[in-house]
Amino acid sequence: MNCHKYFCALAVSMIVGANGCAPALAQHRMSLQSLFNLADQQSQRIKVSEVALKAAEEGVASAKSAMLPSVEFSLQGSYTGNAFLMSRGFSTSGTTEYIVPGLGPQQVENGKQPTPHWGNSFTARASQVIYAGGAISSGIEMAKLGRQLAELDVEKNRQEVRFLLTGYYLDLCKLQNQSQVIAKNIELTEKVIEQMKARREQGTVLKNDITRYELQRQSLLLTKAQIDDAQKIIRHQISTTVHLPEGEDFEVDTQSLEEEEMALKTLTSEESWQQTAAENNIDIRKASLVSEMSEQKVRNTRAASRPSVALVVENNLSGPYTSDLIPKNANVNVWFVGIGVKYNLSNLWKNKHNIRKARHENTQARESVQLAHEGIEKGVQASYTNLLTSSVEVRTQEKQVELADQNYTVVKNRYDNDLALLTDMLDASNMKLSADMALVNARINMLYNYFKLKYITNTL
């Protein structure tokens, strides 16, 4: 049986299982893509990373604001105490010679001097950085790279939530198919029991034989109840992840799986998947961004060893004037324009260790990029190999189901003609059930390996 045939069989069995086992609350079918869209809008994990992205965007704006001029205003009111004039020997008696411009030396008595008490001060200062050694530009670039990392975090969380939902979705499909297989075996067992009861009336079957099949039926009923309960758990997990409204339920829509089956028919080579992973894998892209950030950190650390130059404009209006020997009850306005240079000379020997540390971190980041490539390459190779193995397993299980059906038919005919024991009949029935269940698991496992390959390449 080729790939198309067993996927068609899978789709039909899933549809039957969904119709036969869906809860009463189910209202509509939902594809994987529909779940993905709901998760993108409502998943709490994605919302958290989107808030972090907004914070990173504000970080970029904040870093750019360092290029804007800085303007400061200061307004102050004060009370000035009395001024005391003292000699060099700290004596308040006697006089002190005080030179008054235009009048020459004047004698002023030491002691308390008349002082204007109420003072005011208003200062306006504006400065514009002209050169900061590259600290501002590297800070902006680091903020931009941080925003890109936040964007990748959003995408990574989106991929992880989608892969989580895919696992839930495939588990639900598997359980529904298992439920269908169990239901068919229950139906088959009940038919055998009815036939055996009819034969017992004819005296050809013992009551013990009927009891053994009734025990098998009870075991099947218990298995079906366990499968149905497992479905309820997974449905709740899906509903919680995508935040479905309370009371709203869904049925599995196999159309999305049929679309993936079409993609499997044209499965590309491992080299193609490796190339896709190298271009799209988020871990590789994040490692590359971290490497770029470490380069900017080296530039930023070097900037601390360089001078900063700024254009400064300042105006100061204050009173009273207390900088003279005799305070003046007057306002004095002073303004200036100039260039300020700031240079911390000690950074020449203190900052060299920080620069070396930043360089080592940059080397580590570059090596981490190669490590990420190696890890993803191994993951793609393993997932691709598992996908090929699971496809072989599906074909093998299909053959086993065919052989188990043939064996059950032969044994049943022999048992009906009193040519086989009841234990042979039970063994054949159990072999058929085991083969049917294994085929369901193999088909879902193949789909899971395919979606895992897409998850590793971040193309879900």
Protein backbone atom coordinates (compact mmCIF):
# COMPACT_ATOMS: atom_id res chain seq x y z
CA MET A 1 0.00 0.00 0.00
CA ASN A 2 1.53 3.33 -1.02
CA CYS A 3 1.72 6.55 1.00
CA HIS A 4 -1.45 8.00 -0.50
CA LYS A 5 -3.53 4.92 0.28
CA TYR A 6 -2.57 4.59 3.93
CA PHE A 7 -3.08 8.28 4.55
CA CYS A 8 -6.53 8.05 2.98
CA ALA A 9 -7.23 5.10 5.27
CA LEU A 10 -6.00 7.17 8.20
CA ALA A 11 -8.27 10.06 7.26
CA VAL A 12 -11.32 7.81 6.93
CA SER A 13 -10.65 6.11 10.28
CA MET A 14 -10.20 9.49 12.00
CA ILE A 15 -13.46 10.81 10.60
CA VAL A 16 -15.31 7.71 11.77
CA GLY A 17 -13.61 7.90 15.16
CA ALA A 18 -14.48 11.57 15.54
CA ASN A 19 -18.12 10.97 14.68
CA GLY A 20 -18.39 8.00 16.99
CA CYS A 21 -16.48 9.32 19.99
CA ALA A 22 -16.85 13.11 20.04
CA PRO A 23 -18.37 14.60 23.20
CA ALA A 24 -21.86 15.97 23.14
CA LEU A 25 -20.57 19.55 23.45
CA ALA A 26 -18.71 19.40 20.10
CA GLN A 27 -20.06 22.05 17.78
CA HIS A 28 -17.63 22.35 14.89
CA ARG A 29 -14.57 20.80 13.33
CA MET A 30 -11.26 22.49 13.94
CA SER A 31 -8.10 22.04 11.92
CA LEU A 32 -4.57 22.35 13.20
CA GLN A 33 -4.21 25.72 11.48
CA SER A 34 -7.33 26.96 13.24
CA LEU A 35 -5.80 25.98 16.56
CA PHE A 36 -2.59 27.75 15.56
CA ASN A 37 -4.49 30.94 14.75
CA LEU A 38 -6.32 30.85 18.07
CA ALA A 39 -3.06 30.29 19.93
CA ASP A 40 -1.41 33.24 18.16
CA GLN A 41 -4.20 35.48 19.41
CA GLN A 42 -4.95 34.03 22.84
CA SER A 43 -2.02 31.98 24.17
CA GLN A 44 -0.79 33.46 27.43
CA ARG A 45 2.76 32.41 26.68
CA ILE A 46 2.77 34.35 23.40
CA LYS A 47 1.18 37.38 25.05
CA VAL A 48 3.97 37.53 27.62
CA SER A 49 6.65 37.55 24.91
CA GLU A 50 4.74 40.20 22.93
CA VAL A 51 4.78 42.49 25.97
CA ALA A 52 8.54 41.93 26.22
CA LEU A 53 8.80 42.93 22.55
CA LYS A 54 7.03 46.21 23.23
CA ALA A 55 9.46 46.89 26.06
CA ALA A 56 12.37 46.21 23.69
CA GLU A 57 10.93 48.66 21.17
CA GLU A 58 10.82 51.32 23.86
CA GLY A 59 14.42 50.44 24.65
CA VAL A 60 15.40 51.35 21.10
CA ALA A 61 13.61 54.71 21.40
CA SER A 62 15.35 55.30 24.73
CA ALA A 63 18.77 54.56 23.24
CA LYS A 64 18.13 56.94 20.33
CA SER A 65 17.16 59.70 22.76
CA ALA A 66 20.82 59.87 23.83
CA MET A 67 21.46 61.70 20.54
CA LEU A 68 19.01 64.48 21.44
CA PRO A 69 20.12 67.59 23.34
CA SER A 70 19.84 67.61 27.11
CA VAL A 71 17.96 70.60 28.62
CA GLU A 72 17.86 71.28 32.35
CA PHE A 73 16.04 73.94 34.37
CA SER A 74 16.62 74.75 38.01
CA LEU A 75 14.59 77.19 40.14
CA GLN A 76 15.49 77.78 43.77
CA GLY A 77 14.41 80.08 46.60
CA SER A 78 16.51 80.54 49.73
CA TYR A 79 17.02 82.41 52.99
CA THR A 80 20.55 83.75 53.54
CA GLY A 81 21.82 84.26 57.07
CA ASN A 82 23.84 87.28 58.26
CA ALA A 83 27.39 87.59 56.99
CA PHE A 84 30.19 88.04 59.54
CA LEU A 85 33.49 89.69 58.70
CA MET A 86 36.47 88.41 60.69
CA SER A 87 40.17 89.01 60.74
CA ARG A 88 42.64 86.35 59.72
CA GLY A 89 42.89 85.52 63.40
CA PHE A 90 39.13 84.87 63.45
CA SER A 91 38.44 87.96 65.52
CA THR A 92 35.22 89.95 65.06
CA SER A 93 36.68 93.10 66.59
CA GLY A 94 38.67 95.75 64.76
CA THR A 95 38.55 96.59 61.08
CA THR A 96 39.48 95.00 57.81
CA GLU A 97 40.83 96.80 54.79
CA TYR A 98 38.54 96.43 51.83
CA ILE A 99 39.46 97.67 48.37
CA VAL A 100 36.56 99.27 46.54
CA PRO A 101 37.08 99.71 42.80
CA GLY A 102 37.42 103.44 41.99
CA LEU A 103 37.68 104.44 45.66
CA GLY A 104 40.75 102.57 46.78
CA PRO A 105 41.25 100.93 50.21
CA GLN A 106 38.41 101.32 52.67
CA GLN A 107 38.22 100.26 56.31
CA VAL A 108 35.29 98.06 57.23
CA GLU A 109 34.43 97.09 60.76
CA ASN A 110 34.55 93.42 61.53
CA GLY A 111 31.52 91.63 62.84
CA LYS A 112 27.96 91.37 61.57
CA GLN A 113 27.42 92.84 58.12
CA PRO A 114 24.11 93.99 56.65
CA THR A 115 22.94 91.07 54.46
CA PRO A 116 19.91 90.71 52.17
CA HIS A 117 18.19 87.55 53.42
CA TRP A 118 15.79 86.41 50.66
CA GLY A 119 17.52 84.88 47.67
CA ASN A 120 16.54 83.33 44.35
CA SER A 121 18.29 81.35 41.65
CA PHE A 122 17.24 80.30 38.15
CA THR A 123 19.49 78.23 35.90
CA ALA A 124 18.88 77.00 32.35
CA ARG A 125 21.41 74.61 30.81
CA ALA A 126 21.42 72.89 27.43
CA SER A 127 24.04 70.48 26.17
CA GLN A 128 24.51 68.46 23.00
CA VAL A 129 26.93 65.55 22.85
CA ILE A 130 29.19 65.89 19.83
CA TYR A 131 31.45 62.91 20.41
CA ALA A 132 31.18 60.07 22.94
CA GLY A 133 33.72 57.61 21.58
CA GLY A 134 31.02 55.53 19.85
CA ALA A 135 29.11 54.77 23.05
CA ILE A 136 25.82 56.23 21.78
CA SER A 137 25.86 54.55 18.36
CA SER A 138 26.84 51.18 19.83
CA GLY A 139 24.12 51.57 22.47
CA ILE A 140 21.53 52.15 19.75
CA GLU A 141 22.72 49.12 17.80
CA MET A 142 22.58 46.94 20.92
CA ALA A 143 19.02 48.11 21.59
CA LYS A 144 18.03 47.28 18.00
CA LEU A 145 19.58 43.83 18.31
CA GLY A 146 17.72 43.40 21.61
CA ARG A 147 14.47 44.19 19.82
CA GLN A 148 15.27 41.57 17.17
CA LEU A 149 15.94 39.04 19.93
CA ALA A 150 12.57 39.89 21.46
CA GLU A 151 10.93 39.34 18.06
CA LEU A 152 12.62 35.94 17.83
CA ASP A 153 11.39 35.11 21.33
CA VAL A 154 7.83 35.79 20.18
CA GLU A 155 8.33 33.57 17.15
CA LYS A 156 10.00 30.84 19.22
CA ASN A 157 7.14 30.80 21.73
CA ARG A 158 4.71 30.69 18.83
CA GLN A 159 6.52 27.66 17.35
CA GLU A 160 6.66 25.90 20.72
CA VAL A 161 2.97 26.46 21.39
CA ARG A 162 2.15 25.18 17.90
CA PHE A 163 4.26 22.07 18.41
CA LEU A 164 2.60 21.50 21.78
CA LEU A 165 -0.83 21.77 20.15
CA THR A 166 0.30 19.44 17.37
CA GLY A 167 1.22 16.79 19.93
CA TYR A 168 -2.16 17.19 21.65
CA TYR A 169 -3.98 17.10 18.31
CA LEU A 170 -2.23 13.95 17.10
CA ASP A 171 -2.75 12.26 20.48
CA LEU A 172 -6.44 13.06 20.22
CA CYS A 173 -6.56 11.61 16.70
CA LYS A 174 -4.76 8.47 17.90
CA LEU A 175 -7.12 8.02 20.82
CA GLN A 176 -10.16 8.46 18.60
CA ASN A 177 -8.82 5.84 16.20
CA GLN A 178 -8.03 3.50 19.08
CA SER A 179 -11.54 4.02 20.38
CA GLN A 180 -12.89 3.08 16.97
CA VAL A 181 -10.72 -0.05 16.85
CA ILE A 182 -11.85 -1.07 20.34
CA ALA A 183 -15.49 -0.42 19.43
CA LYS A 184 -15.19 -2.70 16.39
CA ASN A 185 -13.57 -5.41 18.48
CA ILE A 186 -16.31 -5.07 21.10
CA GLU A 187 -18.90 -5.45 18.36
CA LEU A 188 -17.05 -8.47 16.98
CA THR A 189 -16.75 -10.03 20.44
CA GLU A 190 -20.47 -9.57 21.10
CA LYS A 191 -21.29 -11.31 17.83
CA VAL A 192 -19.06 -14.22 18.79
CA ILE A 193 -20.74 -14.39 22.21
CA GLU A 194 -24.18 -14.51 20.59
CA GLN A 195 -23.03 -17.27 18.25
CA MET A 196 -21.54 -19.22 21.15
CA LYS A 197 -24.76 -18.90 23.16
CA ALA A 198 -26.68 -20.31 20.22
CA ARG A 199 -24.24 -23.18 19.95
CA ARG A 200 -24.44 -23.83 23.70
CA GLU A 201 -28.16 -24.40 23.33
CA GLN A 202 -27.20 -27.07 20.85
CA GLY A 203 -24.76 -28.51 23.37
CA THR A 204 -21.59 -27.88 21.34
CA VAL A 205 -20.12 -25.08 23.55
CA LEU A 206 -19.42 -25.01 27.26
CA LYS A 207 -20.52 -22.16 29.49
CA ASN A 208 -16.89 -21.64 30.46
CA ASP A 209 -16.11 -20.77 26.84
CA ILE A 210 -18.75 -18.04 26.85
CA THR A 211 -17.46 -16.72 30.17
CA ARG A 212 -13.94 -16.28 28.78
CA TYR A 213 -15.25 -14.17 25.90
CA GLU A 214 -17.41 -12.16 28.26
CA LEU A 215 -14.27 -11.43 30.29
CA GLN A 216 -12.57 -10.27 27.11
CA ARG A 217 -15.54 -7.99 26.36
CA GLN A 218 -15.32 -6.43 29.82
CA SER A 219 -11.63 -5.84 29.31
CA LEU A 220 -12.35 -4.11 26.01
CA LEU A 221 -15.05 -1.98 27.60
CA LEU A 222 -12.64 -0.90 30.33
CA THR A 223 -10.00 -0.01 27.71
CA LYS A 224 -12.53 2.04 25.78
CA ALA A 225 -13.56 3.93 28.93
CA GLN A 226 -9.90 4.69 29.67
CA ILE A 227 -9.38 5.96 26.13
CA ASP A 228 -12.47 8.18 26.34
CA ASP A 229 -11.24 9.67 29.63
CA ALA A 230 -7.82 10.32 28.08
CA GLN A 231 -9.56 12.21 25.28
CA LYS A 232 -11.31 14.42 27.81
CA ILE A 233 -7.96 15.28 29.39
CA ILE A 234 -6.37 16.21 26.07
CA ARG A 235 -9.38 18.25 25.00
CA HIS A 236 -9.11 20.21 28.23
CA GLN A 237 -5.39 20.78 27.64
CA ILE A 238 -6.06 22.09 24.14
CA SER A 239 -8.90 24.32 25.33
CA THR A 240 -6.73 25.76 28.10
CA THR A 241 -3.81 26.42 25.75
CA VAL A 242 -5.87 28.34 23.18
CA HIS A 243 -8.32 29.74 25.79
CA LEU A 244 -11.51 28.43 24.25
CA PRO A 245 -14.67 29.89 25.85
CA GLU A 246 -16.08 27.73 28.63
CA GLY A 247 -18.49 25.16 27.28
CA GLU A 248 -17.18 25.37 23.71
CA ASP A 249 -15.75 22.18 22.25
CA PHE A 250 -14.57 20.98 18.85
CA GLU A 251 -14.15 17.92 16.68
CA VAL A 252 -10.93 16.91 14.98
CA ASP A 253 -10.87 18.02 11.35
CA THR A 254 -8.80 15.60 9.30
CA GLN A 255 -8.58 17.97 6.33
CA SER A 256 -5.43 19.57 7.77
CA LEU A 257 -3.83 16.13 8.13
CA GLU A 258 -4.72 15.29 4.54
CA GLU A 259 -2.92 18.45 3.44
CA GLU A 260 0.15 17.32 5.34
CA GLU A 261 -0.18 13.95 3.66
CA MET A 262 0.12 15.71 0.31
CA ALA A 263 3.30 17.36 1.55
CA LEU A 264 4.69 13.97 2.60
CA LYS A 265 4.16 12.64 -0.92
CA THR A 266 6.69 15.19 -2.16
CA LEU A 267 9.08 14.91 0.80
CA THR A 268 12.32 16.68 -0.03
CA SER A 269 15.82 15.41 0.68
CA GLU A 270 17.61 15.71 3.98
CA GLU A 271 19.98 18.31 2.48
CA SER A 272 17.01 20.51 1.66
CA TRP A 273 15.74 20.27 5.24
CA GLN A 274 19.22 21.07 6.54
CA GLN A 275 19.31 24.21 4.39
CA THR A 276 15.86 25.22 5.58
CA ALA A 277 16.94 24.77 9.20
CA ALA A 278 20.10 26.83 8.68
CA GLU A 279 18.00 29.70 7.30
CA ASN A 280 14.99 29.54 9.61
CA ASN A 281 15.91 27.93 12.91
CA ILE A 282 15.36 30.48 15.66
CA ASP A 283 18.13 29.20 17.94
CA ILE A 284 20.69 29.76 15.18
CA ARG A 285 19.32 33.22 14.45
CA LYS A 286 19.35 34.13 18.15
CA ALA A 287 22.95 32.94 18.50
CA SER A 288 23.93 35.12 15.53
CA LEU A 289 22.24 38.15 17.08
CA VAL A 290 23.96 37.52 20.41
CA SER A 291 27.27 37.43 18.53
CA GLU A 292 26.50 40.80 16.93
CA MET A 293 25.52 42.21 20.33
CA SER A 294 28.83 41.08 21.80
CA GLU A 295 30.67 42.97 19.03
CA GLN A 296 28.73 46.11 19.90
CA LYS A 297 29.55 45.54 23.57
CA VAL A 298 33.25 45.58 22.69
CA ARG A 299 32.78 48.94 20.97
CA ASN A 300 30.79 50.26 23.92
CA THR A 301 33.46 49.15 26.39
CA ARG A 302 36.19 50.81 24.34
CA ALA A 303 34.22 54.04 24.32
CA ALA A 304 34.75 54.35 28.08
CA SER A 305 38.48 54.86 27.40
CA ARG A 306 37.82 57.77 25.05
CA PRO A 307 36.93 61.39 25.81
CA SER A 308 33.44 62.79 25.41
CA VAL A 309 32.84 66.22 23.87
CA ALA A 310 29.67 68.27 24.26
CA LEU A 311 28.44 71.72 23.28
CA VAL A 312 27.14 73.54 26.40
CA VAL A 313 24.88 76.62 26.71
CA GLU A 314 23.98 77.93 30.17
CA ASN A 315 22.22 80.95 31.65
CA ASN A 316 22.19 81.74 35.40
CA LEU A 317 20.12 84.38 37.13
CA SER A 318 20.62 84.66 40.90
CA GLY A 319 20.45 87.11 43.78
CA PRO A 320 21.52 88.50 46.10
CA TYR A 321 25.16 88.73 45.11
CA THR A 322 27.12 87.20 47.99
CA SER A 323 30.44 86.51 46.32
CA ASP A 324 31.82 89.91 47.32
CA LEU A 325 32.99 90.97 50.75
CA ILE A 326 29.86 93.03 51.23
CA PRO A 327 26.72 91.21 49.91
CA LYS A 328 24.74 93.16 47.31
CA ASN A 329 20.95 93.02 47.26
CA ALA A 330 20.76 92.60 43.49
CA ASN A 331 20.17 89.96 40.80
CA VAL A 332 23.10 88.97 38.60
CA ASN A 333 22.53 87.30 35.22
CA VAL A 334 25.39 85.36 33.61
CA TRP A 335 25.33 83.23 30.46
CA PHE A 336 27.92 81.37 28.48
CA VAL A 337 28.40 79.14 25.46
CA GLY A 338 31.25 76.65 25.30
CA ILE A 339 32.56 73.20 24.55
CA GLY A 340 33.02 70.73 27.37
CA VAL A 341 35.52 67.89 27.23
CA LYS A 342 35.35 65.05 29.75
CA TYR A 343 38.01 62.38 29.98
CA ASN A 344 38.57 59.83 32.75
CA LEU A 345 42.30 59.25 32.56
CA SER A 346 42.17 56.32 35.00
CA ASN A 347 40.22 54.26 32.43
CA LEU A 348 43.48 53.87 30.51
CA TRP A 349 44.56 51.25 33.06
CA LYS A 350 41.23 50.32 34.67
CA ASN A 351 39.13 49.67 31.56
CA LYS A 352 41.57 47.34 29.77
CA HIS A 353 40.26 44.34 31.72
CA ASN A 354 36.68 45.14 30.74
CA ILE A 355 37.77 45.36 27.10
CA ARG A 356 39.49 41.97 27.29
CA LYS A 357 36.43 40.46 28.95
CA ALA A 358 34.17 41.83 26.19
CA ARG A 359 36.48 40.37 23.53
CA HIS A 360 36.40 36.93 25.17
CA GLU A 361 32.61 37.10 25.37
CA ASN A 362 32.54 37.99 21.67
CA THR A 363 34.68 34.94 20.86
CA GLN A 364 32.36 32.78 22.99
CA ALA A 365 29.32 34.14 21.16
CA ARG A 366 30.83 33.32 17.76
CA GLU A 367 31.61 29.79 18.91
CA SER A 368 28.03 29.47 20.19
CA VAL A 369 26.77 30.13 16.67
CA GLN A 370 28.74 27.13 15.40
CA LEU A 371 27.49 25.06 18.33
CA ALA A 372 23.89 25.97 17.49
CA HIS A 373 24.46 24.91 13.86
CA GLU A 374 25.85 21.56 15.01
CA GLY A 375 22.94 20.92 17.36
CA ILE A 376 20.30 21.73 14.75
CA GLU A 377 22.11 19.66 12.12
CA LYS A 378 21.99 16.64 14.43
CA GLY A 379 18.34 17.26 15.25
CA VAL A 380 17.32 17.48 11.59
CA GLN A 381 19.25 14.33 10.71
CA ALA A 382 17.67 12.37 13.57
CA SER A 383 14.14 13.59 12.84
CA TYR A 384 14.47 12.91 9.11
CA THR A 385 15.75 9.40 9.80
CA ASN A 386 12.93 8.76 12.28
CA LEU A 387 10.42 9.93 9.66
CA LEU A 388 11.76 7.44 7.12
CA THR A 389 11.75 4.71 9.76
CA SER A 390 8.17 5.45 10.78
CA SER A 391 7.02 5.25 7.15
CA VAL A 392 8.56 1.77 6.94
CA GLU A 393 6.85 0.90 10.21
CA VAL A 394 3.49 1.95 8.81
CA ARG A 395 3.91 -0.31 5.78
CA THR A 396 4.99 -3.16 8.05
CA GLN A 397 2.02 -2.70 10.37
CA GLU A 398 -0.36 -2.63 7.40
CA LYS A 399 0.97 -6.01 6.34
CA GLN A 400 0.62 -7.32 9.89
CA VAL A 401 -3.01 -6.16 10.02
CA GLU A 402 -3.66 -7.94 6.76
CA LEU A 403 -2.08 -11.15 8.09
CA ALA A 404 -3.88 -10.85 11.44
CA ASP A 405 -7.25 -10.46 9.66
CA GLN A 406 -6.53 -13.48 7.52
CA ASN A 407 -5.46 -15.49 10.56
CA TYR A 408 -8.60 -14.49 12.48
CA THR A 409 -10.83 -15.49 9.59
CA VAL A 410 -9.14 -18.88 9.25
CA VAL A 411 -9.19 -19.62 12.99
CA LYS A 412 -12.84 -18.54 13.29
CA ASN A 413 -13.85 -20.82 10.44
CA ARG A 414 -11.94 -23.70 12.02
CA TYR A 415 -13.50 -22.97 15.41
CA ASP A 416 -17.00 -22.85 13.88
CA ASN A 417 -16.28 -26.28 12.43
CA ASP A 418 -14.90 -27.60 15.77
CA LEU A 419 -11.38 -27.82 14.32
CA ALA A 420 -9.79 -25.27 16.70
CA LEU A 421 -9.79 -24.63 20.42
CA LEU A 422 -11.23 -21.59 22.13
CA THR A 423 -7.70 -20.52 23.16
CA ASP A 424 -6.77 -20.40 19.46
CA MET A 425 -9.77 -18.18 18.85
CA LEU A 426 -8.81 -15.85 21.71
CA ASP A 427 -5.21 -15.66 20.52
CA ALA A 428 -6.33 -14.77 17.01
CA SER A 429 -8.67 -12.10 18.36
CA ASN A 430 -5.96 -10.58 20.54
CA MET A 431 -3.49 -10.66 17.65
CA LYS A 432 -5.97 -8.79 15.46
CA LEU A 433 -6.59 -6.17 18.14
CA SER A 434 -2.88 -5.71 18.73
CA ALA A 435 -2.17 -5.32 15.01
CA ASP A 436 -4.98 -2.79 14.55
CA MET A 437 -3.80 -0.70 17.50
CA ALA A 438 -0.17 -0.84 16.33
CA LEU A 439 -1.16 0.45 12.89
CA VAL A 440 -3.03 3.39 14.39
CA ASN A 441 -0.03 4.26 16.56
CA ALA A 442 2.40 3.90 13.65
CA ARG A 443 0.41 6.26 11.43
CA ILE A 444 0.18 8.93 14.10
CA ASN A 445 3.85 8.45 14.97
CA MET A 446 4.80 9.09 11.33
CA LEU A 447 2.82 12.33 11.31
CA TYR A 448 4.38 13.33 14.60
CA ASN A 449 7.90 12.84 13.20
CA TYR A 450 6.98 14.96 10.20
CA PHE A 451 5.69 17.79 12.37
CA LYS A 452 8.75 17.49 14.60
CA LEU A 453 10.94 17.97 11.53
CA LYS A 454 8.98 21.12 10.70
CA TYR A 455 9.31 22.29 14.31
CA ILE A 456 13.10 21.88 14.30
CA THR A 457 13.31 23.90 11.10
CA ASN A 458 10.80 26.39 12.63
CA THR A 459 8.42 26.17 9.68
CA LEU A 460 5.32 25.06 11.60
